[in-house]
Amino acid sequence: MPRIKSGIFIMPFHPPEKPIAQTYDEDMELVIRADELGFDEFWIGEH
């Protein structure tokens, strides 16, 4: 049976008072964790 691929999509809504570098690091932690869990794709909206 073919394997079903799975992915994650997030919108990068962060509090404006939070430093952009911190929000980037937090989003990258999600990407890394998703990869460790076996997800095939990770999409981040940008507009």
C-alpha atoms as a PDB file:
ATOM      1  CA  MET A   1       0.000   0.000   0.000  1.00  0.00           C
ATOM      2  CA  PRO A   2       1.409   3.455  -0.884  1.00  0.00           C
ATOM      3  CA  ARG A   3       2.456   5.667   1.982  1.00  0.00           C
ATOM      4  CA  ILE A   4       0.406   8.823   2.548  1.00  0.00           C
ATOM      5  CA  LYS A   5       2.592  11.919   2.800  1.00  0.00           C
ATOM      6  CA  SER A   6       1.878  14.414   5.537  1.00  0.00           C
ATOM      7  CA  GLY A   7       2.833  18.016   6.062  1.00  0.00           C
ATOM      8  CA  ILE A   8       2.368  21.057   8.251  1.00  0.00           C
ATOM      9  CA  PHE A   9       1.374  24.607   7.302  1.00  0.00           C
ATOM     10  CA  ILE A  10       1.733  27.542   9.685  1.00  0.00           C
ATOM     11  CA  MET A  11       1.106  31.255   9.415  1.00  0.00           C
ATOM     12  CA  PRO A  12       3.874  33.240  11.111  1.00  0.00           C
ATOM     13  CA  PHE A  13       1.683  35.411  13.333  1.00  0.00           C
ATOM     14  CA  HIS A  14       3.859  36.632  16.182  1.00  0.00           C
ATOM     15  CA  PRO A  15       3.406  39.407  18.729  1.00  0.00           C
ATOM     16  CA  PRO A  16       4.928  42.611  17.331  1.00  0.00           C
ATOM     17  CA  GLU A  17       6.852  43.211  20.558  1.00  0.00           C
ATOM     18  CA  LYS A  18       8.705  39.884  20.234  1.00  0.00           C
ATOM     19  CA  PRO A  19      12.161  40.174  18.583  1.00  0.00           C
ATOM     20  CA  ILE A  20      12.136  38.904  14.979  1.00  0.00           C
ATOM     21  CA  ALA A  21      15.222  36.746  15.617  1.00  0.00           C
ATOM     22  CA  GLN A  22      13.408  34.974  18.445  1.00  0.00           C
ATOM     23  CA  THR A  23      10.330  34.293  16.306  1.00  0.00           C
ATOM     24  CA  TYR A  24      12.558  32.934  13.528  1.00  0.00           C
ATOM     25  CA  ASP A  25      14.297  30.609  15.987  1.00  0.00           C
ATOM     26  CA  GLU A  26      10.940  29.407  17.348  1.00  0.00           C
ATOM     27  CA  ASP A  27       9.637  28.698  13.845  1.00  0.00           C
ATOM     28  CA  MET A  28      12.832  26.817  12.975  1.00  0.00           C
ATOM     29  CA  GLU A  29      12.400  24.695  16.108  1.00  0.00           C
ATOM     30  CA  LEU A  30       8.981  23.682  14.761  1.00  0.00           C
ATOM     31  CA  VAL A  31      10.509  22.774  11.384  1.00  0.00           C
ATOM     32  CA  ILE A  32      13.217  20.665  13.007  1.00  0.00           C
ATOM     33  CA  ARG A  33      10.735  18.911  15.307  1.00  0.00           C
ATOM     34  CA  ALA A  34       8.389  18.174  12.397  1.00  0.00           C
ATOM     35  CA  ASP A  35      11.306  16.609  10.518  1.00  0.00           C
ATOM     36  CA  GLU A  36      12.215  14.496  13.551  1.00  0.00           C
ATOM     37  CA  LEU A  37       8.603  13.308  13.732  1.00  0.00           C
ATOM     38  CA  GLY A  38       8.665  12.217  10.083  1.00  0.00           C
ATOM     39  CA  PHE A  39       6.603  14.896   8.354  1.00  0.00           C
ATOM     40  CA  ASP A  40       7.304  15.168   4.622  1.00  0.00           C
ATOM     41  CA  GLU A  41       6.652  18.887   4.153  1.00  0.00           C
ATOM     42  CA  PHE A  42       6.584  22.089   6.168  1.00  0.00           C
ATOM     43  CA  TRP A  43       5.075  25.241   4.694  1.00  0.00           C
ATOM     44  CA  ILE A  44       5.225  28.739   6.162  1.00  0.00           C
ATOM     45  CA  GLY A  45       2.905  31.429   4.823  1.00  0.00           C
ATOM     46  CA  GLU A  46       4.469  34.813   4.243  1.00  0.00           C
ATOM     47  CA  HIS A  47       1.837  37.343   3.269  1.00  0.00           C
END
